[in-house]
C-alpha atoms as a PDB file:
ATOM      1  CA  MET A   1       0.000   0.000   0.000  1.00  0.00           C
ATOM      2  CA  GLY A   2       2.400   2.688   1.156  1.00  0.00           C
ATOM      3  CA  GLY A   3       5.159   1.384  -1.098  1.00  0.00           C
ATOM      4  CA  GLU A   4       2.875   1.363  -4.111  1.00  0.00           C
ATOM      5  CA  LYS A   5       1.763   4.936  -3.490  1.00  0.00           C
ATOM      6  CA  THR A   6       5.373   6.052  -3.059  1.00  0.00           C
ATOM      7  CA  LYS A   7       6.315   4.222  -6.254  1.00  0.00           C
ATOM      8  CA  GLN A   8       3.507   5.977  -8.134  1.00  0.00           C
ATOM      9  CA  GLU A   9       4.542   9.375  -6.791  1.00  0.00           C
ATOM     10  CA  HIS A  10       8.333   9.030  -7.069  1.00  0.00           C
ATOM     11  CA  GLY A  11       8.980   6.158  -9.495  1.00  0.00           C
ATOM     12  CA  GLN A  12      11.226   3.097  -9.340  1.00  0.00           C
ATOM     13  CA  ASP A  13      14.352   5.259  -9.347  1.00  0.00           C
ATOM     14  CA  HIS A  14      13.421   6.500  -5.858  1.00  0.00           C
ATOM     15  CA  PHE A  15      13.689   2.981  -4.424  1.00  0.00           C
ATOM     16  CA  GLU A  16      16.912   2.281  -6.306  1.00  0.00           C
ATOM     17  CA  GLU A  17      18.470   5.460  -4.937  1.00  0.00           C
ATOM     18  CA  ILE A  18      17.522   4.837  -1.295  1.00  0.00           C
ATOM     19  CA  GLY A  19      18.765   1.246  -1.628  1.00  0.00           C
ATOM     20  CA  ARG A  20      22.089   2.456  -3.022  1.00  0.00           C
ATOM     21  CA  GLN A  21      22.435   5.012  -0.236  1.00  0.00           C
ATOM     22  CA  GLY A  22      21.694   2.370   2.395  1.00  0.00           C
ATOM     23  CA  GLY A  23      24.282   0.032   0.913  1.00  0.00           C
ATOM     24  CA  GLU A  24      26.907   2.757   0.866  1.00  0.00           C
ATOM     25  CA  LYS A  25      26.203   3.682   4.484  1.00  0.00           C
ATOM     26  CA  THR A  26      26.443   0.046   5.560  1.00  0.00           C
ATOM     27  CA  LEU A  27      29.747  -0.286   3.688  1.00  0.00           C
ATOM     28  CA  ASP A  28      31.098   2.873   5.337  1.00  0.00           C
ATOM     29  CA  GLU A  29      30.065   1.709   8.808  1.00  0.00           C
ATOM     30  CA  HIS A  30      30.915  -2.006   8.601  1.00  0.00           C
ATOM     31  CA  GLY A  31      33.356  -2.468   5.707  1.00  0.00           C
ATOM     32  CA  LYS A  32      33.650  -5.027   2.934  1.00  0.00           C
ATOM     33  CA  GLU A  33      34.174  -7.897   5.377  1.00  0.00           C
ATOM     34  CA  HIS A  34      30.607  -7.409   6.626  1.00  0.00           C
ATOM     35  CA  PHE A  35      29.233  -8.007   3.138  1.00  0.00           C
ATOM     36  CA  LYS A  36      31.500 -11.039   2.694  1.00  0.00           C
ATOM     37  CA  GLN A  37      30.096 -12.562   5.876  1.00  0.00           C
ATOM     38  CA  ILE A  38      26.517 -11.935   4.734  1.00  0.00           C
ATOM     39  CA  GLY A  39      27.322 -13.607   1.417  1.00  0.00           C
ATOM     40  CA  LYS A  40      28.771 -16.656   3.153  1.00  0.00           C
ATOM     41  CA  LYS A  41      25.635 -17.054   5.280  1.00  0.00           C
ATOM     42  CA  GLY A  42      23.390 -17.007   2.243  1.00  0.00           C
ATOM     43  CA  GLY A  43      20.002 -15.429   1.637  1.00  0.00           C
ATOM     44  CA  ASN A  44      17.904 -18.050   3.422  1.00  0.00           C
ATOM     45  CA  ASN A  45      19.897 -18.216   6.647  1.00  0.00           C
ATOM     46  CA  SER A  46      18.757 -15.763   9.322  1.00  0.00           C
ATOM     47  CA  ASN A  47      21.674 -16.413  11.745  1.00  0.00           C
END
């Protein structure tokens, strides 16, 4: 609901931009090793 309305008002690029910004902030705060560890755990593992 809210996401659909935002998408209609701002377009898909809005979501891509906030996702990119979030990824950059996470990289700045936690470094590349953090992403490597996430990758090793896999997408279906919540540990």
